[in-house]
C-alpha atoms as a PDB file:
ATOM      1  CA  MET A   1     -35.475   9.302   8.780  1.00  0.00           C
ATOM      2  CA  PRO A   2     -33.613   5.753   8.805  1.00  0.00           C
ATOM      3  CA  ASN A   3     -30.699   4.625  11.031  1.00  0.00           C
ATOM      4  CA  ALA A   4     -26.964   4.840   9.417  1.00  0.00           C
ATOM      5  CA  MET A   5     -25.723   1.675   8.442  1.00  0.00           C
ATOM      6  CA  PRO A   6     -23.115   0.750  11.407  1.00  0.00           C
ATOM      7  CA  GLU A   7     -19.770   1.607  10.524  1.00  0.00           C
ATOM      8  CA  SER A   8     -17.029  -1.219   9.499  1.00  0.00           C
ATOM      9  CA  LEU A   9     -13.879  -1.665  11.888  1.00  0.00           C
ATOM     10  CA  GLU A  10     -12.172   0.236   8.767  1.00  0.00           C
ATOM     11  CA  GLU A  11     -14.360   2.628   8.895  1.00  0.00           C
ATOM     12  CA  THR A  12     -14.071   2.986  12.569  1.00  0.00           C
ATOM     13  CA  VAL A  13     -10.184   3.191  12.357  1.00  0.00           C
ATOM     14  CA  THR A  14      -9.691   5.416   9.983  1.00  0.00           C
ATOM     15  CA  ARG A  15     -12.373   7.389  12.031  1.00  0.00           C
ATOM     16  CA  LEU A  16     -10.483   7.853  14.892  1.00  0.00           C
ATOM     17  CA  VAL A  17      -6.341   8.131  13.141  1.00  0.00           C
ATOM     18  CA  THR A  18      -7.322  10.445  10.293  1.00  0.00           C
ATOM     19  CA  PRO A  19      -6.719  13.100  12.432  1.00  0.00           C
ATOM     20  CA  LEU A  20      -3.892  11.468  13.975  1.00  0.00           C
ATOM     21  CA  VAL A  21      -2.263  11.220  11.217  1.00  0.00           C
ATOM     22  CA  ARG A  22      -2.678  15.058  10.038  1.00  0.00           C
ATOM     23  CA  ALA A  23      -1.683  16.368  13.096  1.00  0.00           C
ATOM     24  CA  GLN A  24       1.952  14.784  12.074  1.00  0.00           C
ATOM     25  CA  GLY A  25       1.901  16.789   8.726  1.00  0.00           C
ATOM     26  CA  LEU A  26       1.429  13.230   6.995  1.00  0.00           C
ATOM     27  CA  GLU A  27      -1.017  11.611   4.983  1.00  0.00           C
ATOM     28  CA  LEU A  28      -3.040   8.493   5.872  1.00  0.00           C
ATOM     29  CA  TRP A  29      -2.436   6.091   2.947  1.00  0.00           C
ATOM     30  CA  GLY A  30      -4.964   2.993   3.870  1.00  0.00           C
ATOM     31  CA  VAL A  31      -6.057   0.865   6.697  1.00  0.00           C
ATOM     32  CA  GLU A  32      -6.667  -3.068   6.625  1.00  0.00           C
ATOM     33  CA  VAL A  33      -8.072  -5.214   9.725  1.00  0.00           C
ATOM     34  CA  LEU A  34      -7.181  -8.572   9.295  1.00  0.00           C
ATOM     35  CA  HIS A  35      -8.149 -11.493  11.302  1.00  0.00           C
ATOM     36  CA  SER A  36      -6.807 -14.762  11.851  1.00  0.00           C
ATOM     37  CA  GLY A  37      -6.884 -16.226  15.281  1.00  0.00           C
ATOM     38  CA  ARG A  38      -7.013 -12.572  16.728  1.00  0.00           C
ATOM     39  CA  PHE A  39      -7.510  -9.129  15.102  1.00  0.00           C
ATOM     40  CA  THR A  40      -4.536  -7.091  13.293  1.00  0.00           C
ATOM     41  CA  VAL A  41      -5.308  -3.763  12.659  1.00  0.00           C
ATOM     42  CA  ARG A  42      -2.964  -2.332   9.895  1.00  0.00           C
ATOM     43  CA  VAL A  43      -2.198   1.414   9.452  1.00  0.00           C
ATOM     44  CA  PHE A  44      -0.056   3.114   6.299  1.00  0.00           C
ATOM     45  CA  VAL A  45       0.805   6.144   6.912  1.00  0.00           C
ATOM     46  CA  ASP A  46       3.214   8.613   3.970  1.00  0.00           C
ATOM     47  CA  LEU A  47       4.157  12.297   3.252  1.00  0.00           C
ATOM     48  CA  PRO A  48       1.192  14.778   2.210  1.00  0.00           C
ATOM     49  CA  ARG A  49       1.588  12.965  -1.754  1.00  0.00           C
ATOM     50  CA  ALA A  50       1.151  17.086  -3.080  1.00  0.00           C
ATOM     51  CA  ALA A  51       4.955  17.241  -1.674  1.00  0.00           C
ATOM     52  CA  GLY A  52       5.979  15.277  -4.558  1.00  0.00           C
ATOM     53  CA  ALA A  53       5.195  13.156  -7.764  1.00  0.00           C
ATOM     54  CA  THR A  54       5.347   9.022  -6.288  1.00  0.00           C
ATOM     55  CA  GLY A  55       4.930  10.161  -2.310  1.00  0.00           C
ATOM     56  CA  ALA A  56       8.098   9.876  -1.434  1.00  0.00           C
ATOM     57  CA  ALA A  57       9.178  13.848  -1.236  1.00  0.00           C
ATOM     58  CA  PRO A  58      11.856  15.451   1.310  1.00  0.00           C
ATOM     59  CA  ALA A  59      11.310  16.403   4.364  1.00  0.00           C
ATOM     60  CA  ALA A  60       9.365  19.790   4.098  1.00  0.00           C
ATOM     61  CA  ALA A  61       9.531  23.226   6.315  1.00  0.00           C
ATOM     62  CA  GLY A  62       5.976  22.613   8.478  1.00  0.00           C
ATOM     63  CA  THR A  63       5.833  18.373   8.461  1.00  0.00           C
ATOM     64  CA  GLY A  64       6.499  17.830  11.678  1.00  0.00           C
ATOM     65  CA  PRO A  65       9.996  17.719  13.382  1.00  0.00           C
ATOM     66  CA  ASP A  66      11.101  14.001  13.270  1.00  0.00           C
ATOM     67  CA  LEU A  67      10.292  13.488   9.578  1.00  0.00           C
ATOM     68  CA  ALA A  68      12.868  10.755   8.149  1.00  0.00           C
ATOM     69  CA  GLU A  69      15.585  11.398   5.781  1.00  0.00           C
ATOM     70  CA  SER A  70      14.483   9.168   3.854  1.00  0.00           C
ATOM     71  CA  GLY A  71      11.647  10.747   2.465  1.00  0.00           C
ATOM     72  CA  SER A  72       8.730   8.767   4.005  1.00  0.00           C
ATOM     73  CA  ALA A  73       6.846   8.918   8.183  1.00  0.00           C
ATOM     74  CA  SER A  74       9.289   8.384  10.497  1.00  0.00           C
ATOM     75  CA  ILE A  75      10.037   5.666  13.671  1.00  0.00           C
ATOM     76  CA  GLY A  76       8.943   8.604  16.026  1.00  0.00           C
ATOM     77  CA  GLN A  77       5.356   9.329  14.409  1.00  0.00           C
ATOM     78  CA  CYS A  78       4.317   6.103  13.493  1.00  0.00           C
ATOM     79  CA  GLU A  79       4.877   5.645  17.546  1.00  0.00           C
ATOM     80  CA  GLU A  80       3.693   8.766  18.785  1.00  0.00           C
ATOM     81  CA  ILE A  81       0.215   7.436  16.105  1.00  0.00           C
ATOM     82  CA  SER A  82       0.175   4.310  16.786  1.00  0.00           C
ATOM     83  CA  ARG A  83       0.118   5.129  20.585  1.00  0.00           C
ATOM     84  CA  GLN A  84      -2.576   7.544  20.226  1.00  0.00           C
ATOM     85  CA  LEU A  85      -4.308   5.311  17.888  1.00  0.00           C
ATOM     86  CA  GLY A  86      -4.579   2.426  21.077  1.00  0.00           C
ATOM     87  CA  LEU A  87      -5.919   4.644  23.651  1.00  0.00           C
ATOM     88  CA  ALA A  88      -8.406   6.100  21.272  1.00  0.00           C
ATOM     89  CA  MET A  89      -9.557   2.612  20.233  1.00  0.00           C
ATOM     90  CA  ASP A  90      -9.727   1.479  23.941  1.00  0.00           C
ATOM     91  CA  VAL A  91     -12.008   4.310  25.063  1.00  0.00           C
ATOM     92  CA  GLU A  92     -14.159   3.426  21.553  1.00  0.00           C
ATOM     93  CA  ASP A  93     -14.180  -0.285  22.876  1.00  0.00           C
ATOM     94  CA  CYS A  94     -14.154  -1.441  19.239  1.00  0.00           C
ATOM     95  CA  MET A  95     -12.301  -4.299  18.600  1.00  0.00           C
ATOM     96  CA  PRO A  96     -14.760  -7.601  19.632  1.00  0.00           C
ATOM     97  CA  GLU A  97     -11.486  -9.609  20.651  1.00  0.00           C
ATOM     98  CA  ALA A  98      -7.918  -9.067  21.141  1.00  0.00           C
ATOM     99  CA  TRP A  99      -6.077  -6.698  18.415  1.00  0.00           C
ATOM    100  CA  VAL A 100      -2.677  -5.705  17.618  1.00  0.00           C
ATOM    101  CA  LEU A 101      -2.064  -2.271  16.331  1.00  0.00           C
ATOM    102  CA  GLU A 102       0.683  -2.321  13.335  1.00  0.00           C
ATOM    103  CA  VAL A 103       1.442   1.690  12.356  1.00  0.00           C
ATOM    104  CA  SER A 104       3.996   1.889   9.325  1.00  0.00           C
ATOM    105  CA  SER A 105       4.891   3.687   6.048  1.00  0.00           C
ATOM    106  CA  PRO A 106       3.799   2.098   2.576  1.00  0.00           C
ATOM    107  CA  GLY A 107       7.299   0.679   1.880  1.00  0.00           C
ATOM    108  CA  PHE A 108       8.336   0.160  -1.552  1.00  0.00           C
ATOM    109  CA  ASP A 109       5.737  -2.399  -2.055  1.00  0.00           C
ATOM    110  CA  ARG A 110       2.776  -0.308  -0.925  1.00  0.00           C
ATOM    111  CA  ARG A 111      -0.520  -1.383  -1.115  1.00  0.00           C
ATOM    112  CA  PHE A 112      -3.190   0.439  -3.786  1.00  0.00           C
ATOM    113  CA  PHE A 113      -6.342   1.308  -1.336  1.00  0.00           C
ATOM    114  CA  THR A 114      -8.173   4.161  -3.840  1.00  0.00           C
ATOM    115  CA  LEU A 115      -7.656   4.568  -7.688  1.00  0.00           C
ATOM    116  CA  ASP A 116      -6.463   7.791  -7.773  1.00  0.00           C
ATOM    117  CA  GLN A 117      -3.224   6.546  -5.498  1.00  0.00           C
ATOM    118  CA  LEU A 118      -2.343   4.274  -9.034  1.00  0.00           C
ATOM    119  CA  VAL A 119      -1.325   7.782 -10.995  1.00  0.00           C
ATOM    120  CA  PRO A 120       2.147   8.611 -10.160  1.00  0.00           C
ATOM    121  CA  TYR A 121       2.968   4.960 -10.197  1.00  0.00           C
ATOM    122  CA  VAL A 122       2.182   4.531 -14.251  1.00  0.00           C
ATOM    123  CA  GLY A 123       5.754   2.859 -15.271  1.00  0.00           C
ATOM    124  CA  ASP A 124       5.804   0.206 -12.170  1.00  0.00           C
ATOM    125  CA  LEU A 125       5.467  -2.973 -11.842  1.00  0.00           C
ATOM    126  CA  LEU A 126       2.192  -4.288 -10.058  1.00  0.00           C
ATOM    127  CA  GLU A 127       0.774  -7.345  -8.573  1.00  0.00           C
ATOM    128  CA  VAL A 128      -3.319  -7.602  -9.063  1.00  0.00           C
ATOM    129  CA  ARG A 129      -5.647 -10.063  -7.571  1.00  0.00           C
ATOM    130  CA  LEU A 130      -9.613  -9.591  -8.120  1.00  0.00           C
ATOM    131  CA  ALA A 131     -12.557 -10.616  -7.655  1.00  0.00           C
ATOM    132  CA  ALA A 132     -13.653 -12.390 -10.642  1.00  0.00           C
ATOM    133  CA  PRO A 133     -11.373 -13.114 -13.709  1.00  0.00           C
ATOM    134  CA  VAL A 134     -10.827 -10.713 -16.196  1.00  0.00           C
ATOM    135  CA  SER A 135      -8.745 -11.568 -20.040  1.00  0.00           C
ATOM    136  CA  ALA A 136      -6.609  -9.262 -21.960  1.00  0.00           C
ATOM    137  CA  ALA A 137      -8.111  -7.654 -25.002  1.00  0.00           C
ATOM    138  CA  GLY A 138      -7.969  -8.469 -28.672  1.00  0.00           C
ATOM    139  CA  GLU A 139      -8.440 -12.185 -30.227  1.00  0.00           C
ATOM    140  CA  ASN A 140      -5.073 -12.799 -28.838  1.00  0.00           C
ATOM    141  CA  GLY A 141      -5.260 -12.224 -25.377  1.00  0.00           C
ATOM    142  CA  ALA A 142      -4.824 -13.344 -21.987  1.00  0.00           C
ATOM    143  CA  ALA A 143      -6.927 -15.876 -20.789  1.00  0.00           C
ATOM    144  CA  PRO A 144      -9.231 -15.163 -18.258  1.00  0.00           C
ATOM    145  CA  ARG A 145      -7.479 -14.289 -14.819  1.00  0.00           C
ATOM    146  CA  MET A 146      -8.161 -13.971 -11.108  1.00  0.00           C
ATOM    147  CA  ARG A 147      -4.786 -12.438 -10.631  1.00  0.00           C
ATOM    148  CA  TRP A 148      -2.277 -10.362 -12.937  1.00  0.00           C
ATOM    149  CA  ARG A 149       1.635  -9.309 -12.646  1.00  0.00           C
ATOM    150  CA  GLY A 150       1.842  -6.575 -15.134  1.00  0.00           C
ATOM    151  CA  ARG A 151       3.403  -2.516 -16.063  1.00  0.00           C
ATOM    152  CA  LEU A 152       0.747   0.059 -15.112  1.00  0.00           C
ATOM    153  CA  LEU A 153       0.195   1.981 -18.235  1.00  0.00           C
ATOM    154  CA  ALA A 154      -2.753   4.189 -17.719  1.00  0.00           C
ATOM    155  CA  VAL A 155      -5.234   4.747 -14.932  1.00  0.00           C
ATOM    156  CA  ASP A 156      -8.605   6.416 -15.911  1.00  0.00           C
ATOM    157  CA  ALA A 157     -11.832   7.459 -13.764  1.00  0.00           C
ATOM    158  CA  GLU A 158     -12.825   3.453 -13.358  1.00  0.00           C
ATOM    159  CA  GLY A 159     -10.134   1.225 -13.743  1.00  0.00           C
ATOM    160  CA  PHE A 160      -6.534   0.857 -14.988  1.00  0.00           C
ATOM    161  CA  SER A 161      -4.547  -0.871 -17.699  1.00  0.00           C
ATOM    162  CA  LEU A 162      -1.799  -3.042 -17.424  1.00  0.00           C
ATOM    163  CA  GLU A 163       1.076  -4.751 -19.682  1.00  0.00           C
ATOM    164  CA  PRO A 164       1.007  -8.392 -18.696  1.00  0.00           C
ATOM    165  CA  CYS A 165       4.862  -8.894 -17.678  1.00  0.00           C
ATOM    166  CA  ALA A 166       6.479 -11.757 -15.746  1.00  0.00           C
ATOM    167  CA  LEU A 167       9.521 -11.364 -12.883  1.00  0.00           C
ATOM    168  CA  SER A 168      12.067 -13.640 -13.623  1.00  0.00           C
ATOM    169  CA  PRO A 169      14.666 -14.100 -10.461  1.00  0.00           C
ATOM    170  CA  GLU A 170      17.157 -12.521 -11.842  1.00  0.00           C
ATOM    171  CA  GLY A 171      15.018  -9.039 -11.062  1.00  0.00           C
ATOM    172  CA  GLU A 172      14.525  -8.714 -14.709  1.00  0.00           C
ATOM    173  CA  VAL A 173      10.675  -7.497 -16.251  1.00  0.00           C
ATOM    174  CA  ARG A 174       9.657  -9.372 -19.108  1.00  0.00           C
ATOM    175  CA  PRO A 175       6.490  -8.819 -21.219  1.00  0.00           C
ATOM    176  CA  GLU A 176       4.645 -11.601 -22.269  1.00  0.00           C
ATOM    177  CA  GLY A 177       4.048 -10.321 -25.434  1.00  0.00           C
ATOM    178  CA  GLN A 178       0.167  -9.759 -24.816  1.00  0.00           C
ATOM    179  CA  PRO A 179      -2.166  -7.275 -25.522  1.00  0.00           C
ATOM    180  CA  PRO A 180      -3.022  -4.716 -22.176  1.00  0.00           C
ATOM    181  CA  VAL A 181      -5.473  -5.835 -20.054  1.00  0.00           C
ATOM    182  CA  ARG A 182      -7.798  -3.338 -18.310  1.00  0.00           C
ATOM    183  CA  LEU A 183      -8.656  -4.179 -14.959  1.00  0.00           C
ATOM    184  CA  PRO A 184     -11.809  -1.956 -13.313  1.00  0.00           C
ATOM    185  CA  TRP A 185     -11.050  -1.030  -9.853  1.00  0.00           C
ATOM    186  CA  SER A 186     -14.665  -2.356  -8.714  1.00  0.00           C
ATOM    187  CA  GLU A 187     -13.027  -6.297  -9.382  1.00  0.00           C
ATOM    188  CA  VAL A 188      -9.746  -5.326  -7.417  1.00  0.00           C
ATOM    189  CA  ARG A 189      -9.441  -7.042  -4.277  1.00  0.00           C
ATOM    190  CA  ARG A 190      -5.656  -6.218  -4.038  1.00  0.00           C
ATOM    191  CA  ALA A 191      -3.482  -4.345  -6.096  1.00  0.00           C
ATOM    192  CA  ALA A 192       0.271  -3.338  -4.772  1.00  0.00           C
ATOM    193  CA  ARG A 193       3.667  -2.437  -6.074  1.00  0.00           C
ATOM    194  CA  ILE A 194       5.928  -5.014  -7.035  1.00  0.00           C
ATOM    195  CA  PRO A 195       9.095  -3.547  -6.251  1.00  0.00           C
ATOM    196  CA  VAL A 196      12.145  -4.563  -8.776  1.00  0.00           C
ATOM    197  CA  PHE A 197      15.633  -5.195  -7.824  1.00  0.00           C
ATOM    198  CA  GLN A 198      18.661  -6.676 -10.183  1.00  0.00           C
ATOM    199  CA  LYS A 199      20.525  -9.226  -8.573  1.00  0.00           C
ATOM    200  CA  PRO A 200      24.000  -8.175  -8.416  1.00  0.00           C
ATOM    201  CA  VAL A 201      26.567  -9.904 -11.189  1.00  0.00           C
ATOM    202  CA  LYS A 202      29.035 -12.278 -10.541  1.00  0.00           C
ATOM    203  CA  PRO A 203      32.756 -10.517 -10.818  1.00  0.00           C
ATOM    204  CA  GLY A 204      34.007 -11.482 -14.386  1.00  0.00           C
ATOM    205  CA  LYS A 205      30.333 -11.072 -15.914  1.00  0.00           C
ATOM    206  CA  GLY A 206      29.200  -7.245 -15.863  1.00  0.00           C
ATOM    207  CA  ARG A 207      28.858  -5.015 -13.512  1.00  0.00           C
ATOM    208  CA  GLY A 208      25.083  -5.153 -11.526  1.00  0.00           C
ATOM    209  CA  ARG A 209      23.142  -2.963  -9.862  1.00  0.00           C
ATOM    210  CA  HIS A 210      22.502  -3.583  -6.244  1.00  0.00           C
ATOM    211  CA  PRO A 211      19.288  -3.188  -4.663  1.00  0.00           C
ATOM    212  CA  SER A 212      18.721  -0.579  -2.825  1.00  0.00           C
ATOM    213  CA  GLN A 213      17.356  -0.678   1.208  1.00  0.00           C
ATOM    214  CA  ALA A 214      13.768   0.241   1.744  1.00  0.00           C
ATOM    215  CA  CYS A 215      13.178   2.452   4.956  1.00  0.00           C
ATOM    216  CA  ARG A 216      10.697   1.181   6.490  1.00  0.00           C
ATOM    217  CA  ALA A 217       9.392   3.010   9.357  1.00  0.00           C
ATOM    218  CA  ARG A 218       6.988   0.611  11.715  1.00  0.00           C
ATOM    219  CA  ALA A 219       5.562   0.482  15.310  1.00  0.00           C
ATOM    220  CA  ALA A 220       3.158  -2.066  17.573  1.00  0.00           C
ATOM    221  CA  ALA A 221       1.070  -1.133  19.750  1.00  0.00           C
ATOM    222  CA  GLY A 222      -0.677  -4.042  21.925  1.00  0.00           C
ATOM    223  CA  GLY A 223      -4.404  -3.354  22.265  1.00  0.00           C
ATOM    224  CA  ARG A 224      -6.210  -6.398  24.826  1.00  0.00           C
ATOM    225  CA  HIS A 225      -4.765  -9.086  25.471  1.00  0.00           C
ATOM    226  CA  GLU A 226      -6.162 -12.790  25.756  1.00  0.00           C
ATOM    227  CA  SER A 227      -5.924 -14.102  29.341  1.00  0.00           C
END
């Protein structure tokens, strides 16, 4: 029987953190490991998506005593997961160098780690980075791009469609007038939501909408440090 492939760092952290997240009545949104001088391990946790259409549902009974009223993981929950995960990572001795651990809710500008996470966000503005250029459909479609911004139109089994859009400095979403572009998930390196906040209009020029504040719980825990 052939030996199993070794776990990646993301897979190891996912294996260690998943039961800790569930114990808090939360859902693991995603894990990313970055390396720039030292390793940064980022864990994103959220309320279970079954509790609400957009993953930002009100607190429900039986999901832990310290849920934030904003509809996201609380600071206390993130701190507890960070503490327990840091200990588990030390025991596992899975990191080859100095590392920093961050546990937080995904926030308004959430990154998407799986295709199904996109479904509740149809209609929202996304920024997508690809592994290879993709062009919009049709003869009048935009030239191939490796980075697309657009409104999410639909999600299917293998990818999703965007209406190409631009975001003005005033926070207005402006369609480019291009045909929709379909992006295969297999080519996506990073996909994230773009929060749209319109700037308030100065007095005498009409009423504007004030940006709401994202309540983002973040807790950081240090791993091994360089001497």
